[in-house]
């Protein structure tokens, strides 16, 4: 060891082993914690869940729209096809049922957090319906339309519940 190490060791040994803050400091900390606890807004796990669900729905629909054109089989050879296939009739019935279900939901104030996801789901449904106009016999498209409508209804119901919960 050299003289600097000895001097440093001596200074370290001279320091007090434990220093206790005065009681007034603990009282101030306690008051500050109490004030912070009473003024902090309550956590909003429902909104986080809603936003997470909206994000997942949006990602799923974007993926479906990106893959949709590649997965649709090319139209068959020019054979006369009936104007409405049974799948097209099923899709039209699904559209009517979706609209009825959407109208039966309670009116809720617009929630800006979910508006982009709802708009994206509506755009996806419109694109799928347009693809069904071109290929009315596609079971894949009917399934995609059904999933899109289910996600849209689920997100709308969840937004209505959250809006009702927030107003209470």
N, C-alpha and C. Protein backbone atom coordinates (compact mmCIF):
# COMPACT_ATOMS: atom_id res chain seq x y z
N UNK A 1 0.84 -1.19 0.00
CA UNK A 1 0.00 0.00 0.00
C UNK A 1 0.88 1.25 0.00
N UNK A 2 0.34 2.28 -0.57
CA UNK A 2 1.10 3.52 -0.58
C UNK A 2 0.44 4.52 0.37
N UNK A 3 1.01 5.70 0.45
CA UNK A 3 0.51 6.69 1.41
C UNK A 3 -0.90 7.18 1.05
N UNK A 4 -1.29 7.16 -0.24
CA UNK A 4 -2.63 7.59 -0.61
C UNK A 4 -3.68 6.58 -0.15
N UNK A 5 -3.35 5.31 -0.27
CA UNK A 5 -4.26 4.27 0.20
C UNK A 5 -4.44 4.32 1.70
N UNK A 6 -3.35 4.57 2.43
CA UNK A 6 -3.42 4.65 3.90
C UNK A 6 -4.27 5.84 4.31
N UNK A 7 -4.09 6.97 3.66
CA UNK A 7 -4.85 8.17 4.01
C UNK A 7 -6.33 7.96 3.70
N UNK A 8 -6.61 7.35 2.58
CA UNK A 8 -8.01 7.09 2.21
C UNK A 8 -8.64 6.11 3.18
N UNK A 9 -7.94 5.08 3.55
CA UNK A 9 -8.46 4.10 4.51
C UNK A 9 -8.75 4.76 5.85
N UNK A 10 -7.85 5.62 6.28
CA UNK A 10 -8.05 6.32 7.56
C UNK A 10 -9.28 7.21 7.50
N UNK A 11 -9.48 7.91 6.38
CA UNK A 11 -10.65 8.79 6.24
C UNK A 11 -11.94 7.98 6.19
N UNK A 12 -11.90 6.84 5.54
CA UNK A 12 -13.09 5.98 5.49
C UNK A 12 -13.43 5.44 6.87
N UNK A 13 -12.43 5.06 7.65
CA UNK A 13 -12.69 4.55 9.00
C UNK A 13 -13.24 5.65 9.89
N UNK A 14 -12.95 6.91 9.61
CA UNK A 14 -13.41 8.03 10.43
C UNK A 14 -14.87 8.39 10.15
N UNK A 15 -15.41 7.92 9.05
CA UNK A 15 -16.81 8.22 8.73
C UNK A 15 -17.72 7.50 9.72
N UNK A 16 -18.89 8.11 10.04
CA UNK A 16 -19.81 7.42 10.95
C UNK A 16 -20.37 6.17 10.28
N UNK A 17 -20.64 5.16 11.06
CA UNK A 17 -21.12 3.89 10.52
C UNK A 17 -22.55 4.00 10.00
N UNK A 18 -23.39 4.75 10.66
CA UNK A 18 -24.79 4.87 10.26
C UNK A 18 -25.26 6.27 10.56
N UNK A 19 -26.01 6.83 9.64
CA UNK A 19 -26.54 8.17 9.86
C UNK A 19 -28.05 8.08 9.74
N UNK A 20 -28.76 8.48 10.75
CA UNK A 20 -30.22 8.42 10.78
C UNK A 20 -30.75 9.82 10.53
N UNK A 21 -31.66 9.97 9.55
CA UNK A 21 -32.22 11.30 9.31
C UNK A 21 -33.11 11.72 10.48
N UNK A 22 -33.29 13.01 10.66
CA UNK A 22 -34.14 13.47 11.76
C UNK A 22 -35.60 13.06 11.53
N UNK A 23 -36.36 13.00 12.60
CA UNK A 23 -37.76 12.56 12.54
C UNK A 23 -38.59 13.45 11.62
N UNK A 24 -38.28 14.75 11.55
CA UNK A 24 -39.03 15.65 10.69
C UNK A 24 -38.90 15.24 9.22
N UNK A 25 -37.78 14.68 8.83
CA UNK A 25 -37.59 14.26 7.45
C UNK A 25 -38.54 13.11 7.12
N UNK A 26 -38.68 12.14 8.04
CA UNK A 26 -39.59 11.01 7.81
C UNK A 26 -41.03 11.48 7.74
N UNK A 27 -41.39 12.46 8.58
CA UNK A 27 -42.76 12.99 8.53
C UNK A 27 -43.02 13.68 7.20
N UNK A 28 -42.05 14.41 6.67
CA UNK A 28 -42.21 15.08 5.37
C UNK A 28 -42.35 14.06 4.25
N UNK A 29 -41.57 12.98 4.32
CA UNK A 29 -41.67 11.93 3.30
C UNK A 29 -43.05 11.29 3.35
N UNK A 30 -43.55 11.02 4.55
CA UNK A 30 -44.87 10.40 4.72
C UNK A 30 -45.97 11.31 4.17
N UNK A 31 -45.89 12.61 4.48
CA UNK A 31 -46.90 13.55 3.95
C UNK A 31 -46.85 13.60 2.42
N UNK A 32 -45.64 13.60 1.87
CA UNK A 32 -45.50 13.63 0.41
C UNK A 32 -46.08 12.38 -0.24
N UNK A 33 -45.85 11.21 0.37
CA UNK A 33 -46.41 9.97 -0.18
C UNK A 33 -47.93 9.97 -0.09
N UNK A 34 -48.47 10.43 1.04
CA UNK A 34 -49.93 10.50 1.18
C UNK A 34 -50.54 11.43 0.15
N UNK A 35 -49.91 12.58 -0.08
CA UNK A 35 -50.43 13.53 -1.07
C UNK A 35 -50.36 12.95 -2.47
N UNK A 36 -49.28 12.26 -2.77
CA UNK A 36 -49.15 11.66 -4.10
C UNK A 36 -50.17 10.55 -4.31
N UNK A 37 -50.45 9.78 -3.27
CA UNK A 37 -51.42 8.68 -3.40
C UNK A 37 -52.83 9.20 -3.59
N UNK A 38 -53.17 10.31 -2.95
CA UNK A 38 -54.54 10.83 -3.09
C UNK A 38 -54.73 11.63 -4.36
N UNK A 39 -53.68 12.19 -4.92
CA UNK A 39 -53.85 13.01 -6.13
C UNK A 39 -53.61 12.23 -7.42
N UNK A 40 -53.07 11.04 -7.33
CA UNK A 40 -52.79 10.26 -8.55
C UNK A 40 -54.08 9.71 -9.12
N UNK A 41 -54.25 9.77 -10.44
CA UNK A 41 -55.46 9.19 -11.04
C UNK A 41 -55.41 7.68 -10.92
N UNK A 42 -56.58 7.05 -10.81
CA UNK A 42 -56.58 5.59 -10.71
C UNK A 42 -56.11 4.97 -12.01
N UNK A 43 -55.47 3.81 -11.92
CA UNK A 43 -55.02 3.14 -13.16
C UNK A 43 -56.20 2.76 -14.03
N UNK A 44 -55.98 2.67 -15.34
CA UNK A 44 -57.07 2.38 -16.27
C UNK A 44 -56.75 1.10 -17.04
N UNK A 45 -56.82 -0.05 -16.35
CA UNK A 45 -56.48 -1.29 -17.05
C UNK A 45 -57.46 -1.63 -18.16
N UNK A 46 -58.72 -1.23 -18.04
CA UNK A 46 -59.69 -1.53 -19.09
C UNK A 46 -59.33 -0.82 -20.38
N UNK A 47 -58.92 0.43 -20.26
CA UNK A 47 -58.56 1.18 -21.46
C UNK A 47 -57.33 0.56 -22.12
N UNK A 48 -56.36 0.13 -21.28
CA UNK A 48 -55.18 -0.51 -21.85
C UNK A 48 -55.57 -1.80 -22.57
N UNK A 49 -56.48 -2.57 -21.95
CA UNK A 49 -56.94 -3.80 -22.58
C UNK A 49 -57.67 -3.49 -23.87
N UNK A 50 -58.47 -2.44 -23.84
CA UNK A 50 -59.22 -2.05 -25.03
C UNK A 50 -58.26 -1.65 -26.15
N UNK A 51 -57.25 -0.85 -25.80
CA UNK A 51 -56.29 -0.43 -26.81
C UNK A 51 -55.47 -1.62 -27.32
N UNK A 52 -55.12 -2.54 -26.43
CA UNK A 52 -54.39 -3.73 -26.86
C UNK A 52 -55.26 -4.56 -27.80
N UNK A 53 -56.54 -4.72 -27.45
CA UNK A 53 -57.45 -5.47 -28.33
C UNK A 53 -57.64 -4.79 -29.66
N UNK A 54 -57.73 -3.46 -29.63
CA UNK A 54 -57.88 -2.72 -30.88
C UNK A 54 -56.63 -2.87 -31.74
N UNK A 55 -55.47 -2.83 -31.10
CA UNK A 55 -54.22 -3.00 -31.85
C UNK A 55 -54.12 -4.38 -32.48
N UNK A 56 -54.50 -5.40 -31.71
CA UNK A 56 -54.46 -6.75 -32.25
C UNK A 56 -55.44 -6.92 -33.40
N UNK A 57 -56.64 -6.37 -33.24
CA UNK A 57 -57.63 -6.48 -34.31
C UNK A 57 -57.14 -5.75 -35.56
N UNK A 58 -56.56 -4.59 -35.36
CA UNK A 58 -56.04 -3.83 -36.49
C UNK A 58 -54.92 -4.58 -37.19
N UNK A 59 -54.01 -5.17 -36.42
CA UNK A 59 -52.91 -5.92 -37.02
C UNK A 59 -53.42 -7.14 -37.78
N UNK A 60 -54.41 -7.82 -37.21
CA UNK A 60 -54.96 -9.01 -37.88
C UNK A 60 -55.64 -8.62 -39.19
N UNK A 61 -56.38 -7.54 -39.17
CA UNK A 61 -57.07 -7.13 -40.39
C UNK A 61 -56.09 -6.64 -41.45
N UNK A 62 -55.05 -5.92 -41.03
CA UNK A 62 -54.04 -5.49 -42.01
C UNK A 62 -53.34 -6.69 -42.62
N UNK A 63 -53.05 -7.68 -41.80
CA UNK A 63 -52.42 -8.89 -42.33
C UNK A 63 -53.35 -9.60 -43.31
N UNK A 64 -54.62 -9.68 -42.97
CA UNK A 64 -55.58 -10.34 -43.86
C UNK A 64 -55.70 -9.59 -45.18
N UNK A 65 -55.74 -8.27 -45.11
CA UNK A 65 -55.86 -7.47 -46.34
C UNK A 65 -54.60 -7.60 -47.19
N UNK A 66 -53.44 -7.71 -46.54
CA UNK A 66 -52.19 -7.83 -47.29
C UNK A 66 -52.09 -9.20 -47.96
N UNK A 67 -52.59 -10.24 -47.31
CA UNK A 67 -52.48 -11.60 -47.82
C UNK A 67 -53.64 -11.94 -48.75
N UNK A 68 -54.77 -11.29 -48.56
CA UNK A 68 -55.99 -11.60 -49.28
C UNK A 68 -55.81 -11.69 -50.80
N UNK A 69 -55.22 -10.69 -51.45
CA UNK A 69 -55.09 -10.79 -52.91
C UNK A 69 -54.22 -11.96 -53.36
N UNK A 70 -53.24 -12.34 -52.54
CA UNK A 70 -52.34 -13.42 -52.94
C UNK A 70 -52.99 -14.79 -52.75
N UNK A 71 -53.92 -14.90 -51.80
CA UNK A 71 -54.52 -16.19 -51.51
C UNK A 71 -55.76 -16.48 -52.35
N UNK A 72 -56.34 -15.45 -52.93
CA UNK A 72 -57.52 -15.67 -53.75
C UNK A 72 -57.11 -16.41 -55.02
N UNK A 73 -57.76 -17.52 -55.30
CA UNK A 73 -57.40 -18.26 -56.51
C UNK A 73 -57.80 -17.47 -57.75
N UNK A 74 -57.09 -17.69 -58.83
CA UNK A 74 -57.46 -16.97 -60.05
C UNK A 74 -58.84 -17.45 -60.51
N UNK A 75 -59.57 -16.59 -61.21
CA UNK A 75 -60.90 -17.00 -61.65
C UNK A 75 -60.81 -18.19 -62.58
N UNK A 76 -61.77 -19.08 -62.52
CA UNK A 76 -61.74 -20.25 -63.39
C UNK A 76 -61.90 -19.85 -64.86
N UNK A 77 -61.72 -20.82 -65.70
CA UNK A 77 -61.88 -20.58 -67.14
C UNK A 77 -63.26 -19.98 -67.38
N UNK A 78 -63.40 -19.22 -68.44
CA UNK A 78 -64.66 -18.51 -68.66
C UNK A 78 -65.84 -19.47 -68.86
N UNK A 79 -66.33 -19.97 -67.75
CA UNK A 79 -67.55 -20.78 -67.78
C UNK A 79 -68.66 -19.93 -67.18
N UNK A 80 -69.82 -20.03 -67.72
CA UNK A 80 -70.90 -19.24 -67.12
C UNK A 80 -71.13 -19.69 -65.68
N UNK A 81 -71.06 -18.73 -64.77
CA UNK A 81 -71.24 -19.01 -63.35
C UNK A 81 -72.56 -18.41 -62.91
N UNK A 82 -73.29 -19.07 -62.05
CA UNK A 82 -74.54 -18.47 -61.60
C UNK A 82 -74.25 -17.13 -60.93
N UNK A 83 -75.19 -16.22 -61.06
CA UNK A 83 -74.98 -14.86 -60.56
C UNK A 83 -74.74 -14.86 -59.06
N UNK A 84 -75.49 -15.66 -58.32
CA UNK A 84 -75.31 -15.72 -56.87
C UNK A 84 -75.07 -17.17 -56.47
N UNK A 85 -73.94 -17.41 -55.86
CA UNK A 85 -73.68 -18.74 -55.34
C UNK A 85 -74.26 -18.83 -53.93
N UNK A 86 -74.29 -20.01 -53.38
CA UNK A 86 -74.81 -20.16 -52.02
C UNK A 86 -73.93 -19.41 -51.02
N UNK A 87 -72.62 -19.28 -51.29
CA UNK A 87 -71.74 -18.52 -50.40
C UNK A 87 -72.05 -17.02 -50.46
N UNK A 88 -72.39 -16.55 -51.65
CA UNK A 88 -72.74 -15.13 -51.78
C UNK A 88 -74.04 -14.83 -51.02
N UNK A 89 -74.99 -15.75 -51.10
CA UNK A 89 -76.24 -15.58 -50.35
C UNK A 89 -75.94 -15.56 -48.85
N UNK A 90 -75.04 -16.45 -48.43
CA UNK A 90 -74.64 -16.51 -47.02
C UNK A 90 -73.97 -15.19 -46.61
N UNK A 91 -73.10 -14.67 -47.45
CA UNK A 91 -72.41 -13.41 -47.14
C UNK A 91 -73.41 -12.26 -47.05
N UNK A 92 -74.39 -12.21 -47.96
CA UNK A 92 -75.39 -11.15 -47.92
C UNK A 92 -76.22 -11.23 -46.63
N UNK A 93 -76.56 -12.45 -46.23
CA UNK A 93 -77.30 -12.62 -44.97
C UNK A 93 -76.45 -12.17 -43.79
N UNK A 94 -75.16 -12.45 -43.85
CA UNK A 94 -74.24 -12.05 -42.78
C UNK A 94 -74.18 -10.52 -42.68
N UNK A 95 -74.16 -9.84 -43.81
CA UNK A 95 -74.14 -8.37 -43.81
C UNK A 95 -75.39 -7.83 -43.13
N UNK A 96 -76.54 -8.41 -43.47
CA UNK A 96 -77.79 -7.95 -42.84
C UNK A 96 -77.78 -8.20 -41.33
N UNK A 97 -77.33 -9.38 -40.92
CA UNK A 97 -77.27 -9.70 -39.49
C UNK A 97 -76.30 -8.79 -38.76
N UNK A 98 -75.19 -8.48 -39.38
CA UNK A 98 -74.20 -7.58 -38.78
C UNK A 98 -74.81 -6.20 -38.56
N UNK A 99 -75.49 -5.69 -39.57
CA UNK A 99 -76.09 -4.36 -39.44
C UNK A 99 -77.15 -4.33 -38.35
N UNK A 100 -77.94 -5.38 -38.25
CA UNK A 100 -78.96 -5.46 -37.20
C UNK A 100 -78.28 -5.51 -35.83
N UNK A 101 -77.24 -6.32 -35.70
CA UNK A 101 -76.52 -6.43 -34.42
C UNK A 101 -75.89 -5.10 -34.05
N UNK A 102 -75.33 -4.40 -35.01
CA UNK A 102 -74.69 -3.12 -34.75
C UNK A 102 -75.72 -2.09 -34.29
N UNK A 103 -76.90 -2.10 -34.89
CA UNK A 103 -77.96 -1.17 -34.50
C UNK A 103 -78.53 -1.50 -33.13
N UNK A 104 -78.45 -2.76 -32.72
CA UNK A 104 -79.02 -3.15 -31.43
C UNK A 104 -78.12 -2.76 -30.26
N UNK A 105 -76.88 -2.41 -30.54
CA UNK A 105 -75.98 -2.01 -29.45
C UNK A 105 -76.38 -0.64 -28.92
N UNK A 106 -76.20 -0.40 -27.62
CA UNK A 106 -76.54 0.90 -27.07
C UNK A 106 -75.65 1.99 -27.65
N UNK A 107 -76.23 3.14 -27.84
CA UNK A 107 -75.46 4.27 -28.37
C UNK A 107 -74.44 4.68 -27.32
N UNK A 108 -73.20 4.81 -27.71
CA UNK A 108 -72.13 5.20 -26.80
C UNK A 108 -71.40 6.39 -27.39
N UNK A 109 -70.87 7.26 -26.52
CA UNK A 109 -70.10 8.38 -27.05
C UNK A 109 -68.86 7.86 -27.78
N UNK A 110 -68.45 8.60 -28.78
CA UNK A 110 -67.29 8.19 -29.58
C UNK A 110 -66.04 8.16 -28.71
N UNK A 111 -65.29 7.09 -28.83
CA UNK A 111 -64.04 6.96 -28.08
C UNK A 111 -62.90 7.10 -29.08
N UNK A 112 -62.16 8.19 -29.01
CA UNK A 112 -61.12 8.43 -30.01
C UNK A 112 -60.03 7.36 -30.03
N UNK A 113 -59.87 6.62 -28.92
CA UNK A 113 -58.83 5.59 -28.89
C UNK A 113 -59.13 4.45 -29.84
N UNK A 114 -60.40 4.12 -30.04
CA UNK A 114 -60.75 2.96 -30.87
C UNK A 114 -61.24 3.35 -32.26
N UNK A 115 -61.45 4.62 -32.50
CA UNK A 115 -61.97 5.06 -33.80
C UNK A 115 -61.10 4.59 -34.97
N UNK A 116 -59.76 4.68 -34.91
CA UNK A 116 -58.96 4.21 -36.04
C UNK A 116 -59.12 2.71 -36.29
N UNK A 117 -59.20 1.93 -35.23
CA UNK A 117 -59.36 0.48 -35.40
C UNK A 117 -60.73 0.16 -36.00
N UNK A 118 -61.78 0.87 -35.54
CA UNK A 118 -63.11 0.65 -36.10
C UNK A 118 -63.15 1.02 -37.57
N UNK A 119 -62.52 2.13 -37.92
CA UNK A 119 -62.49 2.56 -39.32
C UNK A 119 -61.73 1.55 -40.18
N UNK A 120 -60.63 1.01 -39.66
CA UNK A 120 -59.86 0.02 -40.41
C UNK A 120 -60.67 -1.26 -40.61
N UNK A 121 -61.39 -1.67 -39.59
CA UNK A 121 -62.24 -2.87 -39.72
C UNK A 121 -63.34 -2.63 -40.76
N UNK A 122 -63.92 -1.43 -40.76
CA UNK A 122 -64.95 -1.11 -41.76
C UNK A 122 -64.37 -1.13 -43.17
N UNK A 123 -63.15 -0.57 -43.33
CA UNK A 123 -62.51 -0.58 -44.66
C UNK A 123 -62.22 -2.01 -45.10
N UNK A 124 -61.75 -2.83 -44.16
CA UNK A 124 -61.46 -4.23 -44.49
C UNK A 124 -62.71 -4.96 -44.93
N UNK A 125 -63.81 -4.74 -44.22
CA UNK A 125 -65.07 -5.40 -44.58
C UNK A 125 -65.51 -4.96 -45.98
N UNK A 126 -65.37 -3.67 -46.29
CA UNK A 126 -65.75 -3.18 -47.62
C UNK A 126 -64.88 -3.81 -48.71
N UNK A 127 -63.58 -3.95 -48.44
CA UNK A 127 -62.69 -4.57 -49.43
C UNK A 127 -63.03 -6.06 -49.62
N UNK A 128 -63.36 -6.72 -48.54
CA UNK A 128 -63.72 -8.14 -48.64
C UNK A 128 -65.02 -8.29 -49.43
N UNK A 129 -65.99 -7.41 -49.17
CA UNK A 129 -67.26 -7.47 -49.93
C UNK A 129 -67.00 -7.21 -51.41
N UNK A 130 -66.10 -6.28 -51.72
CA UNK A 130 -65.77 -6.01 -53.13
C UNK A 130 -65.10 -7.24 -53.76
N UNK A 131 -64.24 -7.90 -53.00
CA UNK A 131 -63.60 -9.12 -53.52
C UNK A 131 -64.64 -10.22 -53.71
N UNK A 132 -65.65 -10.26 -52.86
CA UNK A 132 -66.73 -11.24 -53.02
C UNK A 132 -67.55 -10.96 -54.27
N UNK A 133 -67.68 -9.69 -54.63
CA UNK A 133 -68.38 -9.36 -55.88
C UNK A 133 -67.65 -9.96 -57.08
N UNK A 134 -66.32 -9.98 -57.01
CA UNK A 134 -65.53 -10.53 -58.11
C UNK A 134 -65.46 -12.06 -58.07
N UNK A 135 -65.50 -12.61 -56.85
CA UNK A 135 -65.35 -14.05 -56.68
C UNK A 135 -66.39 -14.54 -55.66
N UNK A 136 -67.66 -14.63 -56.07
CA UNK A 136 -68.72 -14.94 -55.10
C UNK A 136 -68.66 -16.36 -54.55
N UNK A 137 -67.86 -17.24 -55.08
CA UNK A 137 -67.79 -18.61 -54.60
C UNK A 137 -66.64 -18.85 -53.64
N UNK A 138 -65.99 -17.81 -53.14
CA UNK A 138 -64.82 -17.97 -52.28
C UNK A 138 -65.21 -18.14 -50.82
N UNK A 139 -65.03 -19.36 -50.32
CA UNK A 139 -65.32 -19.64 -48.90
C UNK A 139 -64.33 -18.89 -48.01
N UNK A 140 -63.10 -18.71 -48.49
CA UNK A 140 -62.10 -17.97 -47.72
C UNK A 140 -62.57 -16.54 -47.46
N UNK A 141 -63.09 -15.88 -48.49
CA UNK A 141 -63.54 -14.50 -48.33
C UNK A 141 -64.73 -14.41 -47.38
N UNK A 142 -65.64 -15.37 -47.47
CA UNK A 142 -66.79 -15.37 -46.56
C UNK A 142 -66.31 -15.53 -45.12
N UNK A 143 -65.34 -16.39 -44.91
CA UNK A 143 -64.77 -16.56 -43.57
C UNK A 143 -64.08 -15.30 -43.07
N UNK A 144 -63.34 -14.63 -43.96
CA UNK A 144 -62.69 -13.38 -43.59
C UNK A 144 -63.71 -12.31 -43.23
N UNK A 145 -64.80 -12.26 -44.00
CA UNK A 145 -65.85 -11.28 -43.71
C UNK A 145 -66.48 -11.57 -42.35
N UNK A 146 -66.71 -12.83 -42.06
CA UNK A 146 -67.30 -13.19 -40.78
C UNK A 146 -66.36 -12.80 -39.63
N UNK A 147 -65.07 -13.07 -39.75
CA UNK A 147 -64.12 -12.71 -38.70
C UNK A 147 -64.02 -11.19 -38.55
N UNK A 148 -64.05 -10.48 -39.65
CA UNK A 148 -63.98 -9.02 -39.59
C UNK A 148 -65.19 -8.45 -38.87
N UNK A 149 -66.38 -8.93 -39.22
CA UNK A 149 -67.58 -8.45 -38.54
C UNK A 149 -67.58 -8.82 -37.06
N UNK A 150 -67.10 -10.01 -36.73
CA UNK A 150 -67.05 -10.43 -35.33
C UNK A 150 -66.11 -9.52 -34.53
N UNK A 151 -64.94 -9.21 -35.11
CA UNK A 151 -63.99 -8.30 -34.43
C UNK A 151 -64.60 -6.91 -34.27
N UNK A 152 -65.28 -6.43 -35.30
CA UNK A 152 -65.88 -5.09 -35.26
C UNK A 152 -66.95 -5.02 -34.18
N UNK A 153 -67.81 -6.05 -34.10
CA UNK A 153 -68.86 -6.07 -33.07
C UNK A 153 -68.24 -6.18 -31.68
N UNK A 154 -67.23 -7.02 -31.53
CA UNK A 154 -66.59 -7.19 -30.23
C UNK A 154 -65.96 -5.87 -29.76
N UNK A 155 -65.27 -5.19 -30.65
CA UNK A 155 -64.62 -3.93 -30.29
C UNK A 155 -65.67 -2.86 -29.98
N UNK A 156 -66.77 -2.83 -30.73
CA UNK A 156 -67.83 -1.86 -30.48
C UNK A 156 -68.48 -2.12 -29.13
N UNK A 157 -68.76 -3.39 -28.82
CA UNK A 157 -69.35 -3.73 -27.52
C UNK A 157 -68.42 -3.35 -26.38
N UNK A 158 -67.14 -3.65 -26.55
CA UNK A 158 -66.17 -3.33 -25.50
C UNK A 158 -66.06 -1.82 -25.29
N UNK A 159 -66.09 -1.06 -26.36
CA UNK A 159 -66.04 0.39 -26.26
C UNK A 159 -67.27 0.92 -25.56
N UNK A 160 -68.44 0.35 -25.85
CA UNK A 160 -69.68 0.78 -25.19
C UNK A 160 -69.64 0.46 -23.71
N UNK A 161 -69.12 -0.72 -23.35
CA UNK A 161 -69.00 -1.07 -21.92
C UNK A 161 -68.04 -0.14 -21.21
N UNK A 162 -66.91 0.13 -21.85
CA UNK A 162 -65.93 1.03 -21.23
C UNK A 162 -66.46 2.45 -21.08
N UNK A 163 -67.22 2.90 -22.07
CA UNK A 163 -67.81 4.24 -21.98
C UNK A 163 -68.84 4.30 -20.85
N UNK A 164 -69.62 3.25 -20.70
CA UNK A 164 -70.60 3.20 -19.60
C UNK A 164 -69.89 3.14 -18.26
N UNK A 165 -68.78 2.38 -18.19
CA UNK A 165 -68.03 2.27 -16.95
C UNK A 165 -67.38 3.60 -16.60
N UNK A 166 -66.86 4.30 -17.60
CA UNK A 166 -66.19 5.58 -17.36
C UNK A 166 -67.18 6.66 -16.90
N UNK A 167 -68.43 6.55 -17.33
CA UNK A 167 -69.40 7.59 -16.97
C UNK A 167 -69.96 7.40 -15.57
N UNK A 168 -69.69 6.24 -14.96
CA UNK A 168 -70.21 6.01 -13.60
C UNK A 168 -69.24 6.46 -12.57
